[in-house]
Amino acid sequence: MSIVGKLLKNRRAGEQGLAWHLPNLATDATFELTSPDFTHESPLPKVHASKRIGGRDASPALAWTAPDGTAQLLLVVEDPDAPTGLPFVHCVALLESTRAELPRDGLRADAPAPGVSILRSSFGRGYQGPAPIKGHGPHRYVFQLFALTEPITTIGGKPAAKSKPRHIFSAAKALAHARIDAFYERP
């Protein structure tokens, strides 16, 4: 076990810090989010992990059926088990409301799938695969999809693409939300 992982073993951002729980994104209305690459609360295959630890940084394929009245979709991938004050944001993207799925690797910063606008995350742009601290234990990766009541284009006069994740989360208003969780651990 890594010394750093052992020292930080009990330090975690926590579930309560996820975008899922923000008052403007929390809602009783839900819809289903699925993936052919993993099932809810199962391990995330290594191909979806960070290149730094032998993965490919390939975002998993996702599928959903958004509710009527969806103006835009907001996809957020967060790690609430990161030893940070807030969950680590692995990806933020705005999707056209007509999309009902994303192909594998559809969240690349340099070549996103059609109808996908990649925004800033905690570190860079595009999908950042899991790379938890060695020996820190299992980390949960929460794929959250929000059906928005109105599209986000600017925040405080600045293009959404240049805004920080928490500013995007604060500007969004959810009609409904969906979630699928995966786990990844480095021994």
N, C-alpha and C. Protein backbone atom coordinates (compact mmCIF):
# COMPACT_ATOMS: atom_id res chain seq x y z
N MET A 1 0.84 -1.19 0.00
CA MET A 1 0.00 0.00 0.00
C MET A 1 0.87 1.24 0.00
N SER A 2 0.50 2.21 -0.77
CA SER A 2 1.22 3.47 -0.86
C SER A 2 1.12 4.23 0.46
N ILE A 3 2.20 4.90 0.84
CA ILE A 3 2.21 5.70 2.07
C ILE A 3 1.16 6.81 1.97
N VAL A 4 1.10 7.51 0.82
CA VAL A 4 0.14 8.60 0.65
C VAL A 4 -1.29 8.06 0.75
N GLY A 5 -1.56 6.94 0.07
CA GLY A 5 -2.88 6.33 0.13
C GLY A 5 -3.26 5.96 1.55
N LYS A 6 -2.30 5.43 2.30
CA LYS A 6 -2.55 5.04 3.70
C LYS A 6 -2.84 6.27 4.55
N LEU A 7 -2.06 7.34 4.36
CA LEU A 7 -2.25 8.56 5.15
C LEU A 7 -3.61 9.22 4.88
N LEU A 8 -4.07 9.11 3.64
CA LEU A 8 -5.33 9.76 3.25
C LEU A 8 -6.51 8.80 3.23
N LYS A 9 -6.34 7.59 3.75
CA LYS A 9 -7.34 6.52 3.67
C LYS A 9 -8.74 6.98 4.07
N ASN A 10 -8.86 7.78 5.12
CA ASN A 10 -10.18 8.18 5.61
C ASN A 10 -10.61 9.56 5.15
N ARG A 11 -9.83 10.20 4.31
CA ARG A 11 -10.20 11.54 3.81
C ARG A 11 -10.89 11.38 2.45
N ARG A 12 -12.13 11.86 2.38
CA ARG A 12 -12.93 11.76 1.17
C ARG A 12 -13.83 12.99 1.06
N ALA A 13 -14.05 13.45 -0.16
CA ALA A 13 -14.89 14.64 -0.38
C ALA A 13 -16.32 14.38 0.09
N GLY A 14 -16.88 13.24 -0.26
CA GLY A 14 -18.21 12.86 0.21
C GLY A 14 -19.32 13.06 -0.81
N GLU A 15 -20.30 12.21 -0.68
CA GLU A 15 -21.50 12.19 -1.53
C GLU A 15 -22.24 13.53 -1.53
N GLN A 16 -22.31 14.18 -0.40
CA GLN A 16 -23.09 15.41 -0.27
C GLN A 16 -22.56 16.55 -1.14
N GLY A 17 -21.32 16.47 -1.60
CA GLY A 17 -20.74 17.52 -2.44
C GLY A 17 -21.01 17.35 -3.93
N LEU A 18 -21.64 16.24 -4.32
CA LEU A 18 -21.91 16.00 -5.74
C LEU A 18 -22.90 17.03 -6.30
N ALA A 19 -22.78 17.31 -7.59
CA ALA A 19 -23.74 18.18 -8.28
C ALA A 19 -25.16 17.67 -8.07
N TRP A 20 -25.33 16.37 -7.98
CA TRP A 20 -26.61 15.70 -7.78
C TRP A 20 -27.42 16.32 -6.63
N HIS A 21 -26.73 16.79 -5.60
CA HIS A 21 -27.40 17.28 -4.39
C HIS A 21 -27.58 18.80 -4.35
N LEU A 22 -27.12 19.52 -5.35
CA LEU A 22 -27.32 20.97 -5.37
C LEU A 22 -28.81 21.27 -5.50
N PRO A 23 -29.32 22.25 -4.77
CA PRO A 23 -30.77 22.52 -4.79
C PRO A 23 -31.36 22.73 -6.18
N ASN A 24 -30.63 23.38 -7.06
CA ASN A 24 -31.15 23.64 -8.41
C ASN A 24 -31.07 22.42 -9.33
N LEU A 25 -30.32 21.40 -8.93
CA LEU A 25 -30.19 20.19 -9.73
C LEU A 25 -30.89 18.99 -9.09
N ALA A 26 -31.18 19.08 -7.80
CA ALA A 26 -31.88 18.02 -7.09
C ALA A 26 -33.36 18.08 -7.46
N THR A 27 -33.93 16.95 -7.77
CA THR A 27 -35.33 16.88 -8.17
C THR A 27 -35.85 15.48 -7.89
N ASP A 28 -37.15 15.36 -7.69
CA ASP A 28 -37.74 14.03 -7.50
C ASP A 28 -37.93 13.30 -8.83
N ALA A 29 -37.92 14.06 -9.93
CA ALA A 29 -38.11 13.46 -11.25
C ALA A 29 -36.81 12.82 -11.73
N THR A 30 -36.90 11.56 -12.10
CA THR A 30 -35.71 10.84 -12.57
C THR A 30 -36.00 10.17 -13.92
N PHE A 31 -34.93 9.79 -14.59
CA PHE A 31 -35.00 8.97 -15.79
C PHE A 31 -33.83 8.02 -15.75
N GLU A 32 -33.80 7.04 -16.63
CA GLU A 32 -32.78 6.00 -16.56
C GLU A 32 -31.55 6.34 -17.41
N LEU A 33 -30.39 6.08 -16.84
CA LEU A 33 -29.10 6.22 -17.52
C LEU A 33 -28.42 4.86 -17.45
N THR A 34 -28.02 4.32 -18.60
CA THR A 34 -27.39 3.00 -18.63
C THR A 34 -26.11 3.05 -19.45
N SER A 35 -25.33 1.98 -19.33
CA SER A 35 -24.10 1.85 -20.12
C SER A 35 -23.90 0.39 -20.50
N PRO A 36 -23.52 0.14 -21.76
CA PRO A 36 -23.17 -1.23 -22.13
C PRO A 36 -21.79 -1.63 -21.60
N ASP A 37 -21.04 -0.66 -21.09
CA ASP A 37 -19.67 -0.91 -20.62
C ASP A 37 -19.59 -1.30 -19.14
N PHE A 38 -20.63 -0.99 -18.35
CA PHE A 38 -20.65 -1.37 -16.94
C PHE A 38 -22.09 -1.27 -16.44
N THR A 39 -22.37 -1.93 -15.33
CA THR A 39 -23.68 -1.82 -14.70
C THR A 39 -23.55 -0.97 -13.45
N HIS A 40 -24.66 -0.47 -12.96
CA HIS A 40 -24.67 0.39 -11.77
C HIS A 40 -23.96 -0.32 -10.61
N GLU A 41 -23.06 0.41 -9.98
CA GLU A 41 -22.29 -0.04 -8.81
C GLU A 41 -21.40 -1.24 -9.09
N SER A 42 -20.87 -1.30 -10.32
CA SER A 42 -19.91 -2.35 -10.67
C SER A 42 -18.57 -1.70 -10.99
N PRO A 43 -17.51 -2.50 -11.11
CA PRO A 43 -16.21 -1.93 -11.46
C PRO A 43 -16.21 -1.35 -12.87
N LEU A 44 -15.50 -0.26 -13.05
CA LEU A 44 -15.32 0.37 -14.35
C LEU A 44 -14.15 -0.33 -15.04
N PRO A 45 -14.34 -0.82 -16.26
CA PRO A 45 -13.22 -1.50 -16.96
C PRO A 45 -12.01 -0.57 -17.14
N LYS A 46 -10.83 -1.17 -17.13
CA LYS A 46 -9.58 -0.41 -17.18
C LYS A 46 -9.45 0.51 -18.39
N VAL A 47 -10.08 0.17 -19.51
CA VAL A 47 -10.01 1.01 -20.71
C VAL A 47 -10.52 2.43 -20.42
N HIS A 48 -11.38 2.57 -19.42
CA HIS A 48 -11.95 3.87 -19.07
C HIS A 48 -11.11 4.62 -18.05
N ALA A 49 -10.05 3.99 -17.53
CA ALA A 49 -9.17 4.62 -16.55
C ALA A 49 -8.18 5.56 -17.27
N SER A 50 -7.47 6.33 -16.49
CA SER A 50 -6.49 7.28 -17.00
C SER A 50 -5.33 6.58 -17.72
N LYS A 51 -4.82 7.25 -18.74
CA LYS A 51 -3.63 6.75 -19.44
C LYS A 51 -2.45 6.66 -18.48
N ARG A 52 -2.43 7.54 -17.47
CA ARG A 52 -1.30 7.56 -16.51
C ARG A 52 -1.17 6.25 -15.76
N ILE A 53 -2.27 5.48 -15.66
CA ILE A 53 -2.21 4.22 -14.91
C ILE A 53 -2.49 3.01 -15.80
N GLY A 54 -2.32 3.18 -17.11
CA GLY A 54 -2.46 2.07 -18.04
C GLY A 54 -3.80 1.95 -18.74
N GLY A 55 -4.71 2.90 -18.52
CA GLY A 55 -6.00 2.89 -19.22
C GLY A 55 -5.90 3.65 -20.54
N ARG A 56 -7.05 4.01 -21.10
CA ARG A 56 -7.06 4.74 -22.37
C ARG A 56 -7.79 6.07 -22.29
N ASP A 57 -8.30 6.46 -21.11
CA ASP A 57 -9.09 7.68 -20.97
C ASP A 57 -10.28 7.68 -21.94
N ALA A 58 -10.83 6.50 -22.21
CA ALA A 58 -11.99 6.39 -23.11
C ALA A 58 -13.26 6.44 -22.28
N SER A 59 -14.07 7.46 -22.49
CA SER A 59 -15.32 7.56 -21.75
C SER A 59 -16.22 6.39 -22.12
N PRO A 60 -16.98 5.86 -21.15
CA PRO A 60 -17.88 4.75 -21.46
C PRO A 60 -19.05 5.22 -22.32
N ALA A 61 -19.62 4.29 -23.07
CA ALA A 61 -20.85 4.58 -23.82
C ALA A 61 -21.99 4.73 -22.82
N LEU A 62 -22.92 5.63 -23.10
CA LEU A 62 -24.06 5.88 -22.22
C LEU A 62 -25.32 5.97 -23.07
N ALA A 63 -26.47 5.62 -22.48
CA ALA A 63 -27.76 5.72 -23.17
C ALA A 63 -28.83 6.15 -22.19
N TRP A 64 -29.84 6.89 -22.68
CA TRP A 64 -30.92 7.41 -21.83
C TRP A 64 -32.11 7.81 -22.70
N THR A 65 -33.21 8.11 -22.04
CA THR A 65 -34.38 8.70 -22.69
C THR A 65 -34.76 9.90 -21.85
N ALA A 66 -34.46 11.08 -22.35
CA ALA A 66 -34.73 12.32 -21.60
C ALA A 66 -36.23 12.61 -21.60
N PRO A 67 -36.72 13.24 -20.54
CA PRO A 67 -38.15 13.55 -20.47
C PRO A 67 -38.55 14.66 -21.44
N ASP A 68 -39.83 14.70 -21.76
CA ASP A 68 -40.37 15.79 -22.59
C ASP A 68 -40.09 17.12 -21.90
N GLY A 69 -39.79 18.13 -22.69
CA GLY A 69 -39.52 19.45 -22.15
C GLY A 69 -38.05 19.71 -21.89
N THR A 70 -37.19 18.74 -22.18
CA THR A 70 -35.74 18.91 -21.97
C THR A 70 -35.20 19.88 -23.01
N ALA A 71 -34.59 20.96 -22.54
CA ALA A 71 -34.02 21.96 -23.45
C ALA A 71 -32.57 21.64 -23.80
N GLN A 72 -31.87 20.99 -22.88
CA GLN A 72 -30.45 20.66 -23.04
C GLN A 72 -30.12 19.64 -21.96
N LEU A 73 -29.03 18.91 -22.13
CA LEU A 73 -28.58 17.94 -21.14
C LEU A 73 -27.22 18.36 -20.61
N LEU A 74 -27.03 18.17 -19.33
CA LEU A 74 -25.75 18.45 -18.68
C LEU A 74 -25.23 17.14 -18.12
N LEU A 75 -24.05 16.72 -18.59
CA LEU A 75 -23.41 15.51 -18.10
C LEU A 75 -22.26 15.89 -17.18
N VAL A 76 -22.24 15.29 -16.00
CA VAL A 76 -21.20 15.56 -15.01
C VAL A 76 -20.68 14.22 -14.49
N VAL A 77 -19.36 14.05 -14.49
CA VAL A 77 -18.74 12.85 -13.92
C VAL A 77 -17.87 13.31 -12.76
N GLU A 78 -18.18 12.81 -11.56
CA GLU A 78 -17.45 13.24 -10.35
C GLU A 78 -17.00 12.03 -9.53
N ASP A 79 -15.92 12.26 -8.76
CA ASP A 79 -15.37 11.27 -7.83
C ASP A 79 -15.54 11.81 -6.41
N PRO A 80 -16.58 11.34 -5.67
CA PRO A 80 -16.77 11.82 -4.30
C PRO A 80 -15.81 11.21 -3.30
N ASP A 81 -14.98 10.27 -3.74
CA ASP A 81 -14.02 9.63 -2.84
C ASP A 81 -12.62 10.24 -2.93
N ALA A 82 -12.49 11.28 -3.75
CA ALA A 82 -11.20 11.99 -3.84
C ALA A 82 -10.91 12.66 -2.49
N PRO A 83 -9.64 12.69 -2.07
CA PRO A 83 -9.30 13.30 -0.78
C PRO A 83 -9.18 14.82 -0.90
N THR A 84 -10.27 15.44 -1.36
CA THR A 84 -10.32 16.88 -1.60
C THR A 84 -11.55 17.46 -0.90
N GLY A 85 -11.66 18.78 -0.88
CA GLY A 85 -12.80 19.42 -0.23
C GLY A 85 -14.12 19.15 -0.93
N LEU A 86 -14.09 19.11 -2.26
CA LEU A 86 -15.28 18.80 -3.07
C LEU A 86 -14.94 17.62 -3.97
N PRO A 87 -15.95 16.90 -4.46
CA PRO A 87 -15.66 15.82 -5.38
C PRO A 87 -14.84 16.30 -6.59
N PHE A 88 -13.93 15.46 -7.03
CA PHE A 88 -13.11 15.78 -8.20
C PHE A 88 -13.98 15.63 -9.44
N VAL A 89 -13.99 16.65 -10.30
CA VAL A 89 -14.82 16.66 -11.51
C VAL A 89 -13.99 16.09 -12.67
N HIS A 90 -14.40 14.93 -13.16
CA HIS A 90 -13.68 14.25 -14.25
C HIS A 90 -14.15 14.66 -15.63
N CYS A 91 -15.37 15.20 -15.73
CA CYS A 91 -15.87 15.64 -17.03
C CYS A 91 -17.14 16.46 -16.85
N VAL A 92 -17.29 17.49 -17.68
CA VAL A 92 -18.52 18.27 -17.76
C VAL A 92 -18.78 18.50 -19.24
N ALA A 93 -20.01 18.24 -19.67
CA ALA A 93 -20.37 18.44 -21.07
C ALA A 93 -21.83 18.83 -21.19
N LEU A 94 -22.11 19.67 -22.17
CA LEU A 94 -23.48 20.01 -22.52
C LEU A 94 -23.83 19.23 -23.78
N LEU A 95 -25.02 18.64 -23.80
CA LEU A 95 -25.45 17.81 -24.92
C LEU A 95 -26.76 18.35 -25.48
N GLU A 96 -26.91 18.25 -26.78
CA GLU A 96 -28.16 18.64 -27.41
C GLU A 96 -29.27 17.74 -26.89
N SER A 97 -30.45 18.32 -26.72
CA SER A 97 -31.58 17.58 -26.14
C SER A 97 -32.05 16.41 -27.00
N THR A 98 -31.69 16.42 -28.28
CA THR A 98 -32.10 15.34 -29.17
C THR A 98 -31.24 14.09 -29.04
N ARG A 99 -30.11 14.20 -28.36
CA ARG A 99 -29.23 13.04 -28.16
C ARG A 99 -29.88 12.07 -27.18
N ALA A 100 -29.73 10.78 -27.44
CA ALA A 100 -30.24 9.75 -26.54
C ALA A 100 -29.14 8.76 -26.16
N GLU A 101 -27.92 9.03 -26.64
CA GLU A 101 -26.80 8.16 -26.30
C GLU A 101 -25.48 8.84 -26.64
N LEU A 102 -24.43 8.31 -26.05
CA LEU A 102 -23.06 8.72 -26.35
C LEU A 102 -22.27 7.47 -26.68
N PRO A 103 -21.48 7.51 -27.74
CA PRO A 103 -20.64 6.34 -28.03
C PRO A 103 -19.44 6.30 -27.08
N ARG A 104 -18.82 5.16 -26.99
CA ARG A 104 -17.59 5.05 -26.21
C ARG A 104 -16.60 6.06 -26.76
N ASP A 105 -15.91 6.76 -25.89
CA ASP A 105 -14.90 7.77 -26.23
C ASP A 105 -15.53 9.02 -26.87
N GLY A 106 -16.83 9.24 -26.63
CA GLY A 106 -17.53 10.39 -27.19
C GLY A 106 -17.32 11.68 -26.44
N LEU A 107 -16.52 11.65 -25.36
CA LEU A 107 -16.29 12.85 -24.56
C LEU A 107 -14.84 13.34 -24.66
N ARG A 108 -14.21 13.06 -25.78
CA ARG A 108 -12.82 13.52 -25.99
C ARG A 108 -12.82 15.02 -26.23
N ALA A 109 -11.89 15.71 -25.64
CA ALA A 109 -11.80 17.16 -25.80
C ALA A 109 -11.50 17.54 -27.24
N ASP A 110 -10.67 16.75 -27.92
CA ASP A 110 -10.26 17.09 -29.29
C ASP A 110 -11.20 16.57 -30.36
N ALA A 111 -12.11 15.67 -30.00
CA ALA A 111 -13.04 15.11 -31.00
C ALA A 111 -14.30 14.59 -30.31
N PRO A 112 -15.11 15.49 -29.74
CA PRO A 112 -16.33 15.01 -29.07
C PRO A 112 -17.35 14.50 -30.09
N ALA A 113 -18.27 13.70 -29.61
CA ALA A 113 -19.36 13.21 -30.47
C ALA A 113 -20.19 14.40 -30.95
N PRO A 114 -20.86 14.29 -32.09
CA PRO A 114 -21.72 15.38 -32.57
C PRO A 114 -22.78 15.75 -31.52
N GLY A 115 -23.02 17.04 -31.39
CA GLY A 115 -24.02 17.52 -30.44
C GLY A 115 -23.52 17.59 -29.01
N VAL A 116 -22.20 17.44 -28.81
CA VAL A 116 -21.60 17.47 -27.47
C VAL A 116 -20.63 18.64 -27.39
N SER A 117 -20.81 19.46 -26.38
CA SER A 117 -19.91 20.59 -26.12
C SER A 117 -19.16 20.30 -24.82
N ILE A 118 -17.85 20.13 -24.93
CA ILE A 118 -17.02 19.80 -23.77
C ILE A 118 -16.68 21.08 -23.00
N LEU A 119 -16.87 21.03 -21.68
CA LEU A 119 -16.58 22.17 -20.82
C LEU A 119 -15.38 21.85 -19.93
N ARG A 120 -15.02 22.79 -19.08
CA ARG A 120 -13.90 22.59 -18.16
C ARG A 120 -14.26 21.58 -17.08
N SER A 121 -13.25 20.86 -16.61
CA SER A 121 -13.41 19.96 -15.47
C SER A 121 -12.43 20.42 -14.39
N SER A 122 -12.18 19.59 -13.40
CA SER A 122 -11.22 19.98 -12.35
C SER A 122 -9.82 20.11 -12.91
N PHE A 123 -9.54 19.37 -13.98
CA PHE A 123 -8.20 19.38 -14.56
C PHE A 123 -8.32 19.21 -16.06
N GLY A 124 -8.36 20.29 -16.79
CA GLY A 124 -8.42 20.23 -18.25
C GLY A 124 -9.82 20.14 -18.80
N ARG A 125 -9.92 19.57 -19.99
CA ARG A 125 -11.20 19.40 -20.70
C ARG A 125 -11.32 17.98 -21.20
N GLY A 126 -12.54 17.57 -21.39
CA GLY A 126 -12.79 16.22 -21.88
C GLY A 126 -12.76 15.22 -20.74
N TYR A 127 -13.10 14.00 -21.07
CA TYR A 127 -13.16 12.94 -20.07
C TYR A 127 -11.77 12.63 -19.53
N GLN A 128 -11.65 12.69 -18.22
CA GLN A 128 -10.41 12.34 -17.52
C GLN A 128 -10.69 11.04 -16.76
N GLY A 129 -10.10 9.95 -17.20
CA GLY A 129 -10.36 8.65 -16.58
C GLY A 129 -9.86 8.55 -15.15
N PRO A 130 -10.40 7.60 -14.38
CA PRO A 130 -9.99 7.39 -13.00
C PRO A 130 -8.49 7.14 -12.86
N ALA A 131 -7.92 7.73 -11.82
CA ALA A 131 -6.53 7.49 -11.45
C ALA A 131 -6.41 7.72 -9.94
N PRO A 132 -7.18 6.97 -9.15
CA PRO A 132 -7.14 7.21 -7.70
C PRO A 132 -5.75 6.94 -7.13
N ILE A 133 -5.50 7.55 -6.00
CA ILE A 133 -4.22 7.35 -5.31
C ILE A 133 -4.06 5.87 -4.98
N LYS A 134 -2.89 5.36 -5.30
CA LYS A 134 -2.61 3.95 -5.03
C LYS A 134 -2.76 3.68 -3.53
N GLY A 135 -3.54 2.63 -3.23
CA GLY A 135 -3.73 2.24 -1.84
C GLY A 135 -4.80 3.03 -1.11
N HIS A 136 -5.50 3.96 -1.77
CA HIS A 136 -6.52 4.79 -1.12
C HIS A 136 -7.85 4.06 -0.99
N GLY A 137 -7.97 2.92 -1.64
CA GLY A 137 -9.22 2.17 -1.59
C GLY A 137 -10.07 2.45 -2.82
N PRO A 138 -11.25 1.85 -2.88
CA PRO A 138 -12.11 2.04 -4.05
C PRO A 138 -12.65 3.46 -4.13
N HIS A 139 -12.72 3.98 -5.34
CA HIS A 139 -13.31 5.29 -5.60
C HIS A 139 -14.56 5.09 -6.44
N ARG A 140 -15.59 5.85 -6.13
CA ARG A 140 -16.84 5.82 -6.89
C ARG A 140 -16.79 6.91 -7.95
N TYR A 141 -17.20 6.56 -9.15
CA TYR A 141 -17.27 7.53 -10.26
C TYR A 141 -18.74 7.65 -10.63
N VAL A 142 -19.28 8.85 -10.37
CA VAL A 142 -20.71 9.09 -10.51
C VAL A 142 -20.98 9.82 -11.82
N PHE A 143 -21.65 9.12 -12.73
CA PHE A 143 -22.04 9.68 -14.02
C PHE A 143 -23.45 10.24 -13.82
N GLN A 144 -23.59 11.57 -13.85
CA GLN A 144 -24.86 12.24 -13.59
C GLN A 144 -25.31 12.96 -14.86
N LEU A 145 -26.55 12.77 -15.23
CA LEU A 145 -27.11 13.42 -16.41
C LEU A 145 -28.32 14.22 -15.98
N PHE A 146 -28.31 15.51 -16.26
CA PHE A 146 -29.39 16.41 -15.87
C PHE A 146 -30.13 16.89 -17.12
N ALA A 147 -31.44 16.71 -17.13
CA ALA A 147 -32.29 17.26 -18.19
C ALA A 147 -32.61 18.68 -17.74
N LEU A 148 -32.15 19.67 -18.51
CA LEU A 148 -32.29 21.07 -18.11
C LEU A 148 -33.56 21.71 -18.67
N THR A 149 -34.10 22.66 -17.90
CA THR A 149 -35.31 23.37 -18.32
C THR A 149 -35.02 24.41 -19.39
N GLU A 150 -33.80 24.92 -19.40
CA GLU A 150 -33.39 25.87 -20.44
C GLU A 150 -31.90 25.70 -20.73
N PRO A 151 -31.49 26.01 -21.95
CA PRO A 151 -30.08 25.80 -22.31
C PRO A 151 -29.15 26.80 -21.62
N ILE A 152 -27.93 26.35 -21.42
CA ILE A 152 -26.88 27.20 -20.86
C ILE A 152 -25.96 27.59 -22.02
N THR A 153 -25.81 28.88 -22.26
CA THR A 153 -24.87 29.34 -23.30
C THR A 153 -23.82 30.25 -22.70
N THR A 154 -24.25 31.14 -21.80
CA THR A 154 -23.31 32.04 -21.13
C THR A 154 -23.58 32.05 -19.63
N ILE A 155 -22.55 32.40 -18.89
CA ILE A 155 -22.67 32.53 -17.44
C ILE A 155 -21.96 33.83 -17.07
N GLY A 156 -22.72 34.78 -16.57
CA GLY A 156 -22.15 36.08 -16.22
C GLY A 156 -21.49 36.76 -17.41
N GLY A 157 -22.08 36.60 -18.60
CA GLY A 157 -21.55 37.23 -19.80
C GLY A 157 -20.37 36.50 -20.42
N LYS A 158 -19.95 35.40 -19.82
CA LYS A 158 -18.82 34.61 -20.31
C LYS A 158 -19.36 33.33 -20.95
N PRO A 159 -18.78 32.89 -22.06
CA PRO A 159 -19.24 31.64 -22.68
C PRO A 159 -19.16 30.47 -21.68
N ALA A 160 -20.14 29.60 -21.73
CA ALA A 160 -20.16 28.45 -20.83
C ALA A 160 -18.87 27.65 -20.92
N ALA A 161 -18.29 27.53 -22.10
CA ALA A 161 -17.07 26.76 -22.30
C ALA A 161 -15.88 27.30 -21.49
N LYS A 162 -15.95 28.55 -21.06
CA LYS A 162 -14.84 29.13 -20.29
C LYS A 162 -15.15 29.20 -18.79
N SER A 163 -16.31 28.72 -18.40
CA SER A 163 -16.73 28.78 -17.00
C SER A 163 -16.24 27.58 -16.20
N LYS A 164 -16.04 27.78 -14.91
CA LYS A 164 -15.62 26.70 -14.02
C LYS A 164 -16.81 25.77 -13.78
N PRO A 165 -16.53 24.49 -13.47
CA PRO A 165 -17.62 23.54 -13.26
C PRO A 165 -18.67 24.00 -12.25
N ARG A 166 -18.27 24.50 -11.11
CA ARG A 166 -19.25 24.90 -10.08
C ARG A 166 -20.12 26.05 -10.56
N HIS A 167 -19.60 26.93 -11.43
CA HIS A 167 -20.42 28.01 -12.00
C HIS A 167 -21.47 27.42 -12.95
N ILE A 168 -21.08 26.42 -13.72
CA ILE A 168 -22.02 25.73 -14.61
C ILE A 168 -23.12 25.07 -13.77
N PHE A 169 -22.70 24.35 -12.73
CA PHE A 169 -23.68 23.66 -11.89
C PHE A 169 -24.67 24.64 -11.28
N SER A 170 -24.19 25.79 -10.85
CA SER A 170 -25.06 26.80 -10.22
C SER A 170 -26.03 27.43 -11.21
N ALA A 171 -25.63 27.52 -12.48
CA ALA A 171 -26.47 28.15 -13.50
C ALA A 171 -27.54 27.21 -14.06
N ALA A 172 -27.38 25.93 -13.85
CA ALA A 172 -28.30 24.94 -14.43
C ALA A 172 -29.54 24.76 -13.56
N LYS A 173 -30.65 24.45 -14.20
CA LYS A 173 -31.90 24.15 -13.50
C LYS A 173 -32.42 22.83 -14.07
N ALA A 174 -32.51 21.81 -13.22
CA ALA A 174 -32.90 20.48 -13.68
C ALA A 174 -34.40 20.25 -13.66
N LEU A 175 -34.86 19.67 -14.75
CA LEU A 175 -36.23 19.19 -14.87
C LEU A 175 -36.31 17.77 -14.29
N ALA A 176 -35.25 17.00 -14.54
CA ALA A 176 -35.12 15.62 -14.05
C ALA A 176 -33.64 15.25 -14.09
N HIS A 177 -33.29 14.17 -13.40
CA HIS A 177 -31.90 13.73 -13.43
C HIS A 177 -31.79 12.21 -13.42
N ALA A 178 -30.62 11.72 -13.88
CA ALA A 178 -30.33 10.29 -13.95
C ALA A 178 -28.90 10.08 -13.49
N ARG A 179 -28.62 8.85 -13.03
CA ARG A 179 -27.29 8.60 -12.48
C ARG A 179 -26.96 7.12 -12.61
N ILE A 180 -25.67 6.86 -12.85
CA ILE A 180 -25.13 5.51 -12.81
C ILE A 180 -23.72 5.61 -12.21
N ASP A 181 -23.44 4.75 -11.23
CA ASP A 181 -22.16 4.78 -10.51
C ASP A 181 -21.30 3.57 -10.87
N ALA A 182 -20.00 3.82 -10.90
CA ALA A 182 -19.03 2.74 -11.12
C ALA A 182 -17.92 2.90 -10.09
N PHE A 183 -17.14 1.85 -9.91
CA PHE A 183 -16.03 1.88 -8.96
C PHE A 183 -14.72 1.57 -9.68
N TYR A 184 -13.64 2.17 -9.16
CA TYR A 184 -12.32 1.85 -9.67
C TYR A 184 -11.35 1.93 -8.49
N GLU A 185 -10.42 0.99 -8.43
CA GLU A 185 -9.46 0.95 -7.33
C GLU A 185 -8.10 0.57 -7.85
N ARG A 186 -7.08 1.25 -7.31
CA ARG A 186 -5.70 0.85 -7.56
C ARG A 186 -5.17 0.18 -6.31
N PRO A 187 -4.62 -1.02 -6.43
CA PRO A 187 -4.10 -1.73 -5.24
C PRO A 187 -2.89 -1.04 -4.66
